[in-house]
Amino acid sequence: MTLAVALPNWVGDAVMATPALRALRRRFPHERIVGVLRPYVRPVLEPNPWIDGYIECGRSSADFKRAAAAMRRQRAEAGVLLPNSVRSALLFWMGRVRRRIGYERGGRGVLLTDRLKAPREGGRFVPRPMISYYLRLVEVLGADASDRRMELFTADADESAAVAACAAAGIDPARTVFFCPGYAFGPAKGWPAEHWAALAAAVRERFGLAPAILCSPAEAAIADAISQAAGGCATLHDKGVSLASAKALARRARAMVAIDSGLRHYAAAFNRPVVALFGPTHVEWTETWHPKEVRLQAALPCGPCQEPMCPTGTTECMWKIKPDEVLDALAEALRRDAAQG
């Protein structure tokens, strides 16, 4: 039997899908499991012991048609759709997946054979941890949803690339706190460069650790602004780091400070201490139960708004989180790491 799994498009959501993938593999240890995903998500999840093969599906209609044809060749008997999109449901329908399990959202119920209802109150979807949200889908196939740990793996090439990047940056990751300021979601998540700079100085003084900025090349302007405000700070966006090698950096890190982003979940997946800064996004959606994570969020009447652009134009929910608060949260995360090992 072949099982197909439509995987999330966001990096963080893909990491939060790993408990569901593990549960599915435990339920079907000898069946073929195929992951259907965007090409850039594959290095986040690969390698892993759960997925036997991949079908990549890009954004274009040609990509969609190719993926549907590839799915038909797989002759999957069942499919689990982790994303809520109509596109993913249509792909599985056109791919002739016999049993299609997903949440009935966005008018796509007609494309599903097993329709689950997402919790709602007053016509609005109620925030629920995505880990549990995904696990509920694989429970339909009899999988055990009790293990909520996120988990990632690295390849030898990822580790080598991480070593090279650290050498180029002049840092020892075991003595480094990685700052992850990038915000693919939107600028409403941005923490001020001046705050990052103040935190960098405090990390050096209080813990004797080195700060380093870990983000993508597309976020170079953010990294450069922070480094300049800090009077110089190691950066990794210009050292050939990829989504794959960033996993190896997270695994080796002393700790991380991140906005609510995919790299925050990397830390949890490798059991590293992390401070997560929340602004416009609801904490409940991305609850991970990671014991070494400390979350900070300013309480404001306008939030969390879930908007990529601040409706008030102030991003107050982010700048109200002060560097001293983050420093104390980092101390707590490090304390938990020392206590738990």
C-alpha atoms as a PDB file:
ATOM      1  CA  MET A   1       0.000   0.000   0.000  1.00  0.00           C
ATOM      2  CA  THR A   2       1.135   3.543  -0.749  1.00  0.00           C
ATOM      3  CA  LEU A   3       0.202   6.494   1.463  1.00  0.00           C
ATOM      4  CA  ALA A   4       0.543  10.098   0.293  1.00  0.00           C
ATOM      5  CA  VAL A   5       0.992  13.072   2.612  1.00  0.00           C
ATOM      6  CA  ALA A   6       0.529  16.657   1.464  1.00  0.00           C
ATOM      7  CA  LEU A   7       3.047  18.661   3.474  1.00  0.00           C
ATOM      8  CA  PRO A   8       2.846  22.309   4.599  1.00  0.00           C
ATOM      9  CA  ASN A   9       4.372  25.142   2.589  1.00  0.00           C
ATOM     10  CA  TRP A  10       5.826  27.103   5.525  1.00  0.00           C
ATOM     11  CA  VAL A  11       9.143  25.936   6.993  1.00  0.00           C
ATOM     12  CA  GLY A  12       7.905  26.116  10.585  1.00  0.00           C
ATOM     13  CA  ASP A  13       4.710  24.264   9.744  1.00  0.00           C
ATOM     14  CA  ALA A  14       6.742  21.549   8.023  1.00  0.00           C
ATOM     15  CA  VAL A  15       8.752  21.054  11.216  1.00  0.00           C
ATOM     16  CA  MET A  16       5.523  20.931  13.227  1.00  0.00           C
ATOM     17  CA  ALA A  17       4.335  18.171  10.874  1.00  0.00           C
ATOM     18  CA  THR A  18       7.135  15.814  11.948  1.00  0.00           C
ATOM     19  CA  PRO A  19       5.207  14.284  14.884  1.00  0.00           C
ATOM     20  CA  ALA A  20       2.413  13.348  12.462  1.00  0.00           C
ATOM     21  CA  LEU A  21       4.890  11.834   9.999  1.00  0.00           C
ATOM     22  CA  ARG A  22       6.533   9.810  12.760  1.00  0.00           C
ATOM     23  CA  ALA A  23       3.148   8.612  14.012  1.00  0.00           C
ATOM     24  CA  LEU A  24       2.145   7.581  10.503  1.00  0.00           C
ATOM     25  CA  ARG A  25       5.345   5.592  10.028  1.00  0.00           C
ATOM     26  CA  ARG A  26       4.852   3.834  13.370  1.00  0.00           C
ATOM     27  CA  ARG A  27       1.321   2.918  12.312  1.00  0.00           C
ATOM     28  CA  PHE A  28       2.463   1.672   8.884  1.00  0.00           C
ATOM     29  CA  PRO A  29       6.061   0.463   9.354  1.00  0.00           C
ATOM     30  CA  HIS A  30       6.203  -1.481   6.077  1.00  0.00           C
ATOM     31  CA  GLU A  31       4.066   0.622   3.731  1.00  0.00           C
ATOM     32  CA  ARG A  32       5.371   3.169   1.232  1.00  0.00           C
ATOM     33  CA  ILE A  33       4.889   6.786   2.337  1.00  0.00           C
ATOM     34  CA  VAL A  34       5.250   9.560  -0.239  1.00  0.00           C
ATOM     35  CA  GLY A  35       5.565  13.230   0.708  1.00  0.00           C
ATOM     36  CA  VAL A  36       4.060  15.845  -1.608  1.00  0.00           C
ATOM     37  CA  LEU A  37       5.642  19.249  -1.099  1.00  0.00           C
ATOM     38  CA  ARG A  38       7.079  22.467  -2.439  1.00  0.00           C
ATOM     39  CA  PRO A  39      10.700  21.987  -3.589  1.00  0.00           C
ATOM     40  CA  TYR A  40      12.129  24.322  -0.922  1.00  0.00           C
ATOM     41  CA  VAL A  41      10.503  22.332   1.896  1.00  0.00           C
ATOM     42  CA  ARG A  42      12.277  19.095   0.995  1.00  0.00           C
ATOM     43  CA  PRO A  43      15.720  20.024   2.457  1.00  0.00           C
ATOM     44  CA  VAL A  44      14.000  20.935   5.722  1.00  0.00           C
ATOM     45  CA  LEU A  45      12.683  17.393   6.152  1.00  0.00           C
ATOM     46  CA  GLU A  46      15.324  15.371   4.341  1.00  0.00           C
ATOM     47  CA  PRO A  47      16.847  13.058   5.523  1.00  0.00           C
ATOM     48  CA  ASN A  48      14.309  11.330   7.750  1.00  0.00           C
ATOM     49  CA  PRO A  49      13.215   7.742   8.497  1.00  0.00           C
ATOM     50  CA  TRP A  50       9.540   8.296   7.687  1.00  0.00           C
ATOM     51  CA  ILE A  51       9.240   9.255   4.008  1.00  0.00           C
ATOM     52  CA  ASP A  52      10.219   6.840   1.231  1.00  0.00           C
ATOM     53  CA  GLY A  53       9.836   9.179  -1.723  1.00  0.00           C
ATOM     54  CA  TYR A  54       8.848  12.705  -2.707  1.00  0.00           C
ATOM     55  CA  ILE A  55       6.713  14.401  -5.304  1.00  0.00           C
ATOM     56  CA  GLU A  56       7.609  18.059  -5.687  1.00  0.00           C
ATOM     57  CA  CYS A  57       4.910  20.506  -6.716  1.00  0.00           C
ATOM     58  CA  GLY A  58       5.834  24.096  -7.475  1.00  0.00           C
ATOM     59  CA  ARG A  59       3.550  27.084  -7.901  1.00  0.00           C
ATOM     60  CA  SER A  60       2.880  26.933 -11.652  1.00  0.00           C
ATOM     61  CA  SER A  61       0.053  25.109 -13.409  1.00  0.00           C
ATOM     62  CA  ALA A  62       2.653  23.017 -15.255  1.00  0.00           C
ATOM     63  CA  ASP A  63       4.164  21.981 -11.912  1.00  0.00           C
ATOM     64  CA  PHE A  64       0.693  21.039 -10.708  1.00  0.00           C
ATOM     65  CA  LYS A  65      -0.025  18.877 -13.752  1.00  0.00           C
ATOM     66  CA  ARG A  66       3.315  17.090 -13.459  1.00  0.00           C
ATOM     67  CA  ALA A  67       2.718  16.408  -9.768  1.00  0.00           C
ATOM     68  CA  ALA A  68      -0.791  15.079 -10.445  1.00  0.00           C
ATOM     69  CA  ALA A  69       0.590  12.720 -13.103  1.00  0.00           C
ATOM     70  CA  ALA A  70       3.299  11.536 -10.702  1.00  0.00           C
ATOM     71  CA  MET A  71       0.669  10.879  -8.059  1.00  0.00           C
ATOM     72  CA  ARG A  72      -1.424   8.813 -10.444  1.00  0.00           C
ATOM     73  CA  ARG A  73       1.598   6.611 -11.056  1.00  0.00           C
ATOM     74  CA  GLN A  74       1.912   6.060  -7.297  1.00  0.00           C
ATOM     75  CA  ARG A  75      -1.664   4.708  -7.067  1.00  0.00           C
ATOM     76  CA  ALA A  76      -1.935   5.808  -3.455  1.00  0.00           C
ATOM     77  CA  GLU A  77      -4.711   4.152  -1.518  1.00  0.00           C
ATOM     78  CA  ALA A  78      -4.903   6.885   1.113  1.00  0.00           C
ATOM     79  CA  GLY A  79      -3.742  10.457   1.464  1.00  0.00           C
ATOM     80  CA  VAL A  80      -3.480  12.874   4.371  1.00  0.00           C
ATOM     81  CA  LEU A  81      -3.721  16.570   3.549  1.00  0.00           C
ATOM     82  CA  LEU A  82      -1.976  18.635   6.207  1.00  0.00           C
ATOM     83  CA  PRO A  83      -2.487  22.022   4.467  1.00  0.00           C
ATOM     84  CA  ASN A  84      -5.961  23.549   4.378  1.00  0.00           C
ATOM     85  CA  SER A  85      -5.721  24.632   0.739  1.00  0.00           C
ATOM     86  CA  VAL A  86      -8.136  23.788  -2.046  1.00  0.00           C
ATOM     87  CA  ARG A  87      -5.101  23.294  -4.296  1.00  0.00           C
ATOM     88  CA  SER A  88      -3.746  20.411  -2.222  1.00  0.00           C
ATOM     89  CA  ALA A  89      -7.158  18.715  -2.153  1.00  0.00           C
ATOM     90  CA  LEU A  90      -7.562  19.155  -5.910  1.00  0.00           C
ATOM     91  CA  LEU A  91      -4.091  17.691  -6.460  1.00  0.00           C
ATOM     92  CA  PHE A  92      -4.945  14.560  -4.488  1.00  0.00           C
ATOM     93  CA  TRP A  93      -8.289  14.252  -6.285  1.00  0.00           C
ATOM     94  CA  MET A  94      -6.626  14.603  -9.699  1.00  0.00           C
ATOM     95  CA  GLY A  95      -3.879  12.257  -8.497  1.00  0.00           C
ATOM     96  CA  ARG A  96      -6.589   9.612  -7.935  1.00  0.00           C
ATOM     97  CA  VAL A  97      -5.792   9.064  -4.291  1.00  0.00           C
ATOM     98  CA  ARG A  98      -8.640   6.808  -3.227  1.00  0.00           C
ATOM     99  CA  ARG A  99      -9.077   8.026   0.330  1.00  0.00           C
ATOM    100  CA  ARG A 100      -8.456  11.744   0.960  1.00  0.00           C
ATOM    101  CA  ILE A 101      -8.340  12.878   4.591  1.00  0.00           C
ATOM    102  CA  GLY A 102      -8.355  16.565   5.472  1.00  0.00           C
ATOM    103  CA  TYR A 103     -10.086  19.443   7.194  1.00  0.00           C
ATOM    104  CA  GLU A 104     -13.242  20.705   5.546  1.00  0.00           C
ATOM    105  CA  ARG A 105     -12.202  24.306   4.968  1.00  0.00           C
ATOM    106  CA  GLY A 106     -12.354  26.781   2.121  1.00  0.00           C
ATOM    107  CA  GLY A 107     -15.147  24.947   0.340  1.00  0.00           C
ATOM    108  CA  ARG A 108     -12.962  21.944  -0.481  1.00  0.00           C
ATOM    109  CA  GLY A 109     -15.090  19.333   1.304  1.00  0.00           C
ATOM    110  CA  VAL A 110     -16.393  17.925  -1.990  1.00  0.00           C
ATOM    111  CA  LEU A 111     -12.819  16.886  -2.853  1.00  0.00           C
ATOM    112  CA  LEU A 112     -12.340  14.918   0.370  1.00  0.00           C
ATOM    113  CA  THR A 113     -13.581  11.478   1.373  1.00  0.00           C
ATOM    114  CA  ASP A 114     -12.884  11.933   5.100  1.00  0.00           C
ATOM    115  CA  ARG A 115     -13.832  15.431   6.264  1.00  0.00           C
ATOM    116  CA  LEU A 116     -12.758  16.726   9.661  1.00  0.00           C
ATOM    117  CA  LYS A 117     -14.190  19.870  11.225  1.00  0.00           C
ATOM    118  CA  ALA A 118     -11.753  22.466  12.546  1.00  0.00           C
ATOM    119  CA  PRO A 119     -12.895  23.971  15.883  1.00  0.00           C
ATOM    120  CA  ARG A 120     -14.785  27.256  15.534  1.00  0.00           C
ATOM    121  CA  GLU A 121     -16.418  29.755  17.855  1.00  0.00           C
ATOM    122  CA  GLY A 122     -18.683  32.512  16.628  1.00  0.00           C
ATOM    123  CA  GLY A 123     -17.835  31.703  13.031  1.00  0.00           C
ATOM    124  CA  ARG A 124     -14.083  32.108  13.618  1.00  0.00           C
ATOM    125  CA  PHE A 125     -11.488  29.354  13.746  1.00  0.00           C
ATOM    126  CA  VAL A 126     -10.218  28.771  17.277  1.00  0.00           C
ATOM    127  CA  PRO A 127      -6.418  28.754  17.660  1.00  0.00           C
ATOM    128  CA  ARG A 128      -5.181  25.217  18.203  1.00  0.00           C
ATOM    129  CA  PRO A 129      -1.598  23.911  18.170  1.00  0.00           C
ATOM    130  CA  MET A 130      -0.694  22.867  14.641  1.00  0.00           C
ATOM    131  CA  ILE A 131       1.105  19.800  15.984  1.00  0.00           C
ATOM    132  CA  SER A 132      -2.177  18.526  17.431  1.00  0.00           C
ATOM    133  CA  TYR A 133      -4.068  19.721  14.355  1.00  0.00           C
ATOM    134  CA  TYR A 134      -1.896  17.533  12.127  1.00  0.00           C
ATOM    135  CA  LEU A 135      -1.862  14.572  14.505  1.00  0.00           C
ATOM    136  CA  ARG A 136      -5.651  14.522  14.506  1.00  0.00           C
ATOM    137  CA  LEU A 137      -5.565  13.819  10.765  1.00  0.00           C
ATOM    138  CA  VAL A 138      -3.312  10.762  11.035  1.00  0.00           C
ATOM    139  CA  GLU A 139      -5.423   9.483  13.927  1.00  0.00           C
ATOM    140  CA  VAL A 140      -8.108   8.810  11.312  1.00  0.00           C
ATOM    141  CA  LEU A 141      -5.804   6.076   9.979  1.00  0.00           C
ATOM    142  CA  GLY A 142      -5.285   4.628  13.445  1.00  0.00           C
ATOM    143  CA  ALA A 143      -1.994   6.366  14.282  1.00  0.00           C
ATOM    144  CA  ASP A 144      -1.075   7.072  17.909  1.00  0.00           C
ATOM    145  CA  ALA A 145      -1.079  10.848  18.469  1.00  0.00           C
ATOM    146  CA  SER A 146       0.512  10.856  21.924  1.00  0.00           C
ATOM    147  CA  ASP A 147       4.102  11.735  20.895  1.00  0.00           C
ATOM    148  CA  ARG A 148       4.229  15.471  20.122  1.00  0.00           C
ATOM    149  CA  ARG A 149       8.025  15.899  19.904  1.00  0.00           C
ATOM    150  CA  MET A 150       9.292  17.649  16.801  1.00  0.00           C
ATOM    151  CA  GLU A 151      12.291  15.984  15.221  1.00  0.00           C
ATOM    152  CA  LEU A 152      14.717  16.795  12.394  1.00  0.00           C
ATOM    153  CA  PHE A 153      17.815  15.134  10.993  1.00  0.00           C
ATOM    154  CA  THR A 154      20.948  16.278   9.183  1.00  0.00           C
ATOM    155  CA  ALA A 155      23.026  14.827   6.373  1.00  0.00           C
ATOM    156  CA  ASP A 156      26.826  14.759   6.386  1.00  0.00           C
ATOM    157  CA  ALA A 157      26.829  17.502   3.757  1.00  0.00           C
ATOM    158  CA  ASP A 158      24.723  19.715   6.045  1.00  0.00           C
ATOM    159  CA  GLU A 159      27.173  19.252   8.898  1.00  0.00           C
ATOM    160  CA  SER A 160      30.169  20.010   6.677  1.00  0.00           C
ATOM    161  CA  ALA A 161      28.515  23.165   5.360  1.00  0.00           C
ATOM    162  CA  ALA A 162      27.763  24.307   8.912  1.00  0.00           C
ATOM    163  CA  VAL A 163      31.380  23.764   9.967  1.00  0.00           C
ATOM    164  CA  ALA A 164      32.580  25.773   6.972  1.00  0.00           C
ATOM    165  CA  ALA A 165      30.122  28.605   7.661  1.00  0.00           C
ATOM    166  CA  CYS A 166      31.184  28.858  11.297  1.00  0.00           C
ATOM    167  CA  ALA A 167      34.847  28.894  10.295  1.00  0.00           C
ATOM    168  CA  ALA A 168      34.169  31.674   7.790  1.00  0.00           C
ATOM    169  CA  ALA A 169      32.278  33.662  10.432  1.00  0.00           C
ATOM    170  CA  GLY A 170      34.940  33.025  13.072  1.00  0.00           C
ATOM    171  CA  ILE A 171      32.558  31.520  15.619  1.00  0.00           C
ATOM    172  CA  ASP A 172      32.296  28.385  17.726  1.00  0.00           C
ATOM    173  CA  PRO A 173      28.608  27.367  17.603  1.00  0.00           C
ATOM    174  CA  ALA A 174      28.815  25.737  21.039  1.00  0.00           C
ATOM    175  CA  ARG A 175      29.664  29.201  22.436  1.00  0.00           C
ATOM    176  CA  THR A 176      27.231  31.097  20.220  1.00  0.00           C
ATOM    177  CA  VAL A 177      23.698  32.397  20.637  1.00  0.00           C
ATOM    178  CA  PHE A 178      22.160  32.532  17.184  1.00  0.00           C
ATOM    179  CA  PHE A 179      19.841  35.475  16.558  1.00  0.00           C
ATOM    180  CA  CYS A 180      17.108  34.673  14.006  1.00  0.00           C
ATOM    181  CA  PRO A 181      15.459  37.987  13.061  1.00  0.00           C
ATOM    182  CA  GLY A 182      13.967  37.074   9.668  1.00  0.00           C
ATOM    183  CA  TYR A 183      10.257  37.412   8.994  1.00  0.00           C
ATOM    184  CA  ALA A 184       8.997  35.746   5.820  1.00  0.00           C
ATOM    185  CA  PHE A 185       5.463  36.123   7.239  1.00  0.00           C
ATOM    186  CA  GLY A 186       5.668  39.923   7.041  1.00  0.00           C
ATOM    187  CA  PRO A 187       7.303  42.988   8.644  1.00  0.00           C
ATOM    188  CA  ALA A 188       4.803  43.066  11.510  1.00  0.00           C
ATOM    189  CA  LYS A 189       7.015  40.399  13.126  1.00  0.00           C
ATOM    190  CA  GLY A 190      10.181  42.496  12.993  1.00  0.00           C
ATOM    191  CA  TRP A 191      12.020  43.243  16.259  1.00  0.00           C
ATOM    192  CA  PRO A 192      13.951  46.551  16.099  1.00  0.00           C
ATOM    193  CA  ALA A 193      17.626  46.421  15.119  1.00  0.00           C
ATOM    194  CA  GLU A 194      18.457  48.536  18.171  1.00  0.00           C
ATOM    195  CA  HIS A 195      16.900  45.906  20.427  1.00  0.00           C
ATOM    196  CA  TRP A 196      18.914  43.135  18.774  1.00  0.00           C
ATOM    197  CA  ALA A 197      22.075  45.236  19.159  1.00  0.00           C
ATOM    198  CA  ALA A 198      21.440  45.823  22.859  1.00  0.00           C
ATOM    199  CA  LEU A 199      20.807  42.113  23.323  1.00  0.00           C
ATOM    200  CA  ALA A 200      24.066  41.269  21.538  1.00  0.00           C
ATOM    201  CA  ALA A 201      26.070  43.407  23.970  1.00  0.00           C
ATOM    202  CA  ALA A 202      24.228  41.960  26.967  1.00  0.00           C
ATOM    203  CA  VAL A 203      24.764  38.352  25.823  1.00  0.00           C
ATOM    204  CA  ARG A 204      28.505  38.972  25.643  1.00  0.00           C
ATOM    205  CA  GLU A 205      28.628  40.664  29.036  1.00  0.00           C
ATOM    206  CA  ARG A 206      26.297  38.414  31.042  1.00  0.00           C
ATOM    207  CA  PHE A 207      27.035  34.990  29.588  1.00  0.00           C
ATOM    208  CA  GLY A 208      30.370  35.388  27.841  1.00  0.00           C
ATOM    209  CA  LEU A 209      28.766  34.016  24.686  1.00  0.00           C
ATOM    210  CA  ALA A 210      29.062  35.302  21.138  1.00  0.00           C
ATOM    211  CA  PRO A 211      25.994  36.515  19.232  1.00  0.00           C
ATOM    212  CA  ALA A 212      25.668  35.648  15.534  1.00  0.00           C
ATOM    213  CA  ILE A 213      22.884  36.488  13.101  1.00  0.00           C
ATOM    214  CA  LEU A 214      21.318  33.542  11.272  1.00  0.00           C
ATOM    215  CA  CYS A 215      18.916  34.370   8.461  1.00  0.00           C
ATOM    216  CA  SER A 216      18.499  33.883   4.719  1.00  0.00           C
ATOM    217  CA  PRO A 217      20.295  35.889   2.007  1.00  0.00           C
ATOM    218  CA  ALA A 218      16.940  37.511   1.234  1.00  0.00           C
ATOM    219  CA  GLU A 219      17.059  39.018   4.725  1.00  0.00           C
ATOM    220  CA  ALA A 220      20.572  40.450   4.347  1.00  0.00           C
ATOM    221  CA  ALA A 221      19.364  44.010   4.948  1.00  0.00           C
ATOM    222  CA  ILE A 222      17.967  42.989   8.337  1.00  0.00           C
ATOM    223  CA  ALA A 223      21.208  41.254   9.325  1.00  0.00           C
ATOM    224  CA  ASP A 224      23.351  44.167   8.153  1.00  0.00           C
ATOM    225  CA  ALA A 225      21.240  46.689  10.084  1.00  0.00           C
ATOM    226  CA  ILE A 226      21.580  44.654  13.279  1.00  0.00           C
ATOM    227  CA  SER A 227      25.307  44.118  12.817  1.00  0.00           C
ATOM    228  CA  GLN A 228      25.851  47.825  12.199  1.00  0.00           C
ATOM    229  CA  ALA A 229      23.776  48.821  15.229  1.00  0.00           C
ATOM    230  CA  ALA A 230      25.737  46.322  17.333  1.00  0.00           C
ATOM    231  CA  GLY A 231      29.071  47.728  16.219  1.00  0.00           C
ATOM    232  CA  GLY A 232      29.887  44.498  14.434  1.00  0.00           C
ATOM    233  CA  CYS A 233      28.325  41.068  14.831  1.00  0.00           C
ATOM    234  CA  ALA A 234      28.982  37.800  13.007  1.00  0.00           C
ATOM    235  CA  THR A 235      26.524  37.071  10.205  1.00  0.00           C
ATOM    236  CA  LEU A 236      25.721  33.775   8.471  1.00  0.00           C
ATOM    237  CA  HIS A 237      23.498  34.868   5.576  1.00  0.00           C
ATOM    238  CA  ASP A 238      26.626  35.529   3.497  1.00  0.00           C
ATOM    239  CA  LYS A 239      28.404  32.276   4.417  1.00  0.00           C
ATOM    240  CA  GLY A 240      26.538  29.862   2.155  1.00  0.00           C
ATOM    241  CA  VAL A 241      24.041  28.680   4.772  1.00  0.00           C
ATOM    242  CA  SER A 242      20.945  26.910   3.408  1.00  0.00           C
ATOM    243  CA  LEU A 243      17.759  25.643   5.027  1.00  0.00           C
ATOM    244  CA  ALA A 244      19.498  22.267   5.263  1.00  0.00           C
ATOM    245  CA  SER A 245      22.784  23.439   6.803  1.00  0.00           C
ATOM    246  CA  ALA A 246      20.885  25.767   9.153  1.00  0.00           C
ATOM    247  CA  LYS A 247      19.614  22.586  10.805  1.00  0.00           C
ATOM    248  CA  ALA A 248      23.200  21.625  11.606  1.00  0.00           C
ATOM    249  CA  LEU A 249      23.854  25.104  13.010  1.00  0.00           C
ATOM    250  CA  ALA A 250      20.773  24.848  15.228  1.00  0.00           C
ATOM    251  CA  ARG A 251      21.870  21.417  16.427  1.00  0.00           C
ATOM    252  CA  ARG A 252      25.290  22.772  17.400  1.00  0.00           C
ATOM    253  CA  ALA A 253      24.109  26.082  18.901  1.00  0.00           C
ATOM    254  CA  ARG A 254      24.461  27.014  22.545  1.00  0.00           C
ATOM    255  CA  ALA A 255      21.078  28.703  22.258  1.00  0.00           C
ATOM    256  CA  MET A 256      18.865  30.668  19.901  1.00  0.00           C
ATOM    257  CA  VAL A 257      16.721  33.792  20.064  1.00  0.00           C
ATOM    258  CA  ALA A 258      14.149  33.911  17.291  1.00  0.00           C
ATOM    259  CA  ILE A 259      10.977  35.570  16.276  1.00  0.00           C
ATOM    260  CA  ASP A 260       8.080  33.183  15.648  1.00  0.00           C
ATOM    261  CA  SER A 261       9.656  31.585  12.572  1.00  0.00           C
ATOM    262  CA  GLY A 262      10.828  28.291  11.156  1.00  0.00           C
ATOM    263  CA  LEU A 263      14.270  28.572  12.753  1.00  0.00           C
ATOM    264  CA  ARG A 264      12.611  28.727  16.160  1.00  0.00           C
ATOM    265  CA  HIS A 265      11.269  25.236  15.442  1.00  0.00           C
ATOM    266  CA  TYR A 266      14.693  24.039  14.353  1.00  0.00           C
ATOM    267  CA  ALA A 267      15.901  24.740  17.901  1.00  0.00           C
ATOM    268  CA  ALA A 268      13.058  22.738  19.412  1.00  0.00           C
ATOM    269  CA  ALA A 269      13.567  19.852  16.983  1.00  0.00           C
ATOM    270  CA  PHE A 270      17.180  19.526  18.175  1.00  0.00           C
ATOM    271  CA  ASN A 271      16.335  20.123  21.855  1.00  0.00           C
ATOM    272  CA  ARG A 272      18.245  23.393  22.077  1.00  0.00           C
ATOM    273  CA  PRO A 273      17.315  26.283  24.402  1.00  0.00           C
ATOM    274  CA  VAL A 274      15.442  29.036  22.600  1.00  0.00           C
ATOM    275  CA  VAL A 275      13.665  32.305  23.316  1.00  0.00           C
ATOM    276  CA  ALA A 276      10.733  32.971  20.971  1.00  0.00           C
ATOM    277  CA  LEU A 277       9.501  36.532  20.384  1.00  0.00           C
ATOM    278  CA  PHE A 278       5.823  36.778  19.496  1.00  0.00           C
ATOM    279  CA  GLY A 279       4.087  39.847  18.121  1.00  0.00           C
ATOM    280  CA  PRO A 280       1.146  39.603  15.705  1.00  0.00           C
ATOM    281  CA  THR A 281       0.869  35.809  15.763  1.00  0.00           C
ATOM    282  CA  HIS A 282      -1.101  33.782  18.292  1.00  0.00           C
ATOM    283  CA  VAL A 283       1.069  31.653  20.581  1.00  0.00           C
ATOM    284  CA  GLU A 284      -1.501  28.855  20.615  1.00  0.00           C
ATOM    285  CA  TRP A 285      -1.158  28.102  16.886  1.00  0.00           C
ATOM    286  CA  THR A 286       2.505  27.190  17.279  1.00  0.00           C
ATOM    287  CA  GLU A 287       2.609  25.664  20.756  1.00  0.00           C
ATOM    288  CA  THR A 288       5.389  23.072  20.670  1.00  0.00           C
ATOM    289  CA  TRP A 289       5.628  21.912  24.309  1.00  0.00           C
ATOM    290  CA  HIS A 290       9.402  22.322  24.033  1.00  0.00           C
ATOM    291  CA  PRO A 291      10.637  22.375  27.654  1.00  0.00           C
ATOM    292  CA  LYS A 292      13.641  24.582  26.860  1.00  0.00           C
ATOM    293  CA  GLU A 293      11.658  27.305  25.100  1.00  0.00           C
ATOM    294  CA  VAL A 294      10.686  30.582  26.763  1.00  0.00           C
ATOM    295  CA  ARG A 295       8.079  32.662  24.909  1.00  0.00           C
ATOM    296  CA  LEU A 296       7.580  36.414  25.188  1.00  0.00           C
ATOM    297  CA  GLN A 297       4.616  38.424  23.954  1.00  0.00           C
ATOM    298  CA  ALA A 298       3.439  41.928  24.841  1.00  0.00           C
ATOM    299  CA  ALA A 299      -0.223  42.080  25.860  1.00  0.00           C
ATOM    300  CA  LEU A 300      -2.008  44.642  23.687  1.00  0.00           C
ATOM    301  CA  PRO A 301      -5.732  45.167  23.024  1.00  0.00           C
ATOM    302  CA  CYS A 302      -5.137  45.012  19.257  1.00  0.00           C
ATOM    303  CA  GLY A 303      -3.386  41.677  19.231  1.00  0.00           C
ATOM    304  CA  PRO A 304      -2.550  39.121  18.300  1.00  0.00           C
ATOM    305  CA  CYS A 305      -3.934  40.292  14.970  1.00  0.00           C
ATOM    306  CA  GLN A 306      -2.404  37.584  12.700  1.00  0.00           C
ATOM    307  CA  GLU A 307      -1.657  40.298  10.131  1.00  0.00           C
ATOM    308  CA  PRO A 308       1.630  40.425   8.164  1.00  0.00           C
ATOM    309  CA  MET A 309       1.468  44.239   8.091  1.00  0.00           C
ATOM    310  CA  CYS A 310       0.727  46.090  11.327  1.00  0.00           C
ATOM    311  CA  PRO A 311      -2.784  47.614  10.993  1.00  0.00           C
ATOM    312  CA  THR A 312      -1.764  50.532  13.245  1.00  0.00           C
ATOM    313  CA  GLY A 313       1.569  51.080  11.516  1.00  0.00           C
ATOM    314  CA  THR A 314       3.453  50.942  14.820  1.00  0.00           C
ATOM    315  CA  THR A 315       4.505  47.272  15.310  1.00  0.00           C
ATOM    316  CA  GLU A 316       4.081  48.109  18.985  1.00  0.00           C
ATOM    317  CA  CYS A 317       3.624  44.455  19.910  1.00  0.00           C
ATOM    318  CA  MET A 318       7.231  43.806  18.896  1.00  0.00           C
ATOM    319  CA  TRP A 319       9.130  46.866  20.106  1.00  0.00           C
ATOM    320  CA  LYS A 320       7.425  46.634  23.504  1.00  0.00           C
ATOM    321  CA  ILE A 321       9.415  43.434  24.110  1.00  0.00           C
ATOM    322  CA  LYS A 322      12.545  44.892  25.699  1.00  0.00           C
ATOM    323  CA  PRO A 323      16.097  43.503  25.456  1.00  0.00           C
ATOM    324  CA  ASP A 324      16.302  43.072  29.239  1.00  0.00           C
ATOM    325  CA  GLU A 325      13.231  40.821  29.142  1.00  0.00           C
ATOM    326  CA  VAL A 326      14.773  38.733  26.388  1.00  0.00           C
ATOM    327  CA  LEU A 327      18.054  38.482  28.290  1.00  0.00           C
ATOM    328  CA  ASP A 328      16.254  37.201  31.388  1.00  0.00           C
ATOM    329  CA  ALA A 329      14.277  34.756  29.242  1.00  0.00           C
ATOM    330  CA  LEU A 330      17.528  33.512  27.726  1.00  0.00           C
ATOM    331  CA  ALA A 331      18.948  32.971  31.204  1.00  0.00           C
ATOM    332  CA  GLU A 332      15.893  30.870  32.037  1.00  0.00           C
ATOM    333  CA  ALA A 333      16.204  28.829  28.832  1.00  0.00           C
ATOM    334  CA  LEU A 334      19.874  28.150  29.586  1.00  0.00           C
ATOM    335  CA  ARG A 335      18.984  27.207  33.163  1.00  0.00           C
ATOM    336  CA  ARG A 336      16.448  24.673  31.901  1.00  0.00           C
ATOM    337  CA  ASP A 337      19.021  23.256  29.514  1.00  0.00           C
ATOM    338  CA  ALA A 338      21.522  22.804  32.334  1.00  0.00           C
ATOM    339  CA  ALA A 339      18.883  21.164  34.535  1.00  0.00           C
ATOM    340  CA  GLN A 340      17.472  18.833  31.877  1.00  0.00           C
ATOM    341  CA  GLY A 341      20.633  18.084  29.910  1.00  0.00           C
END
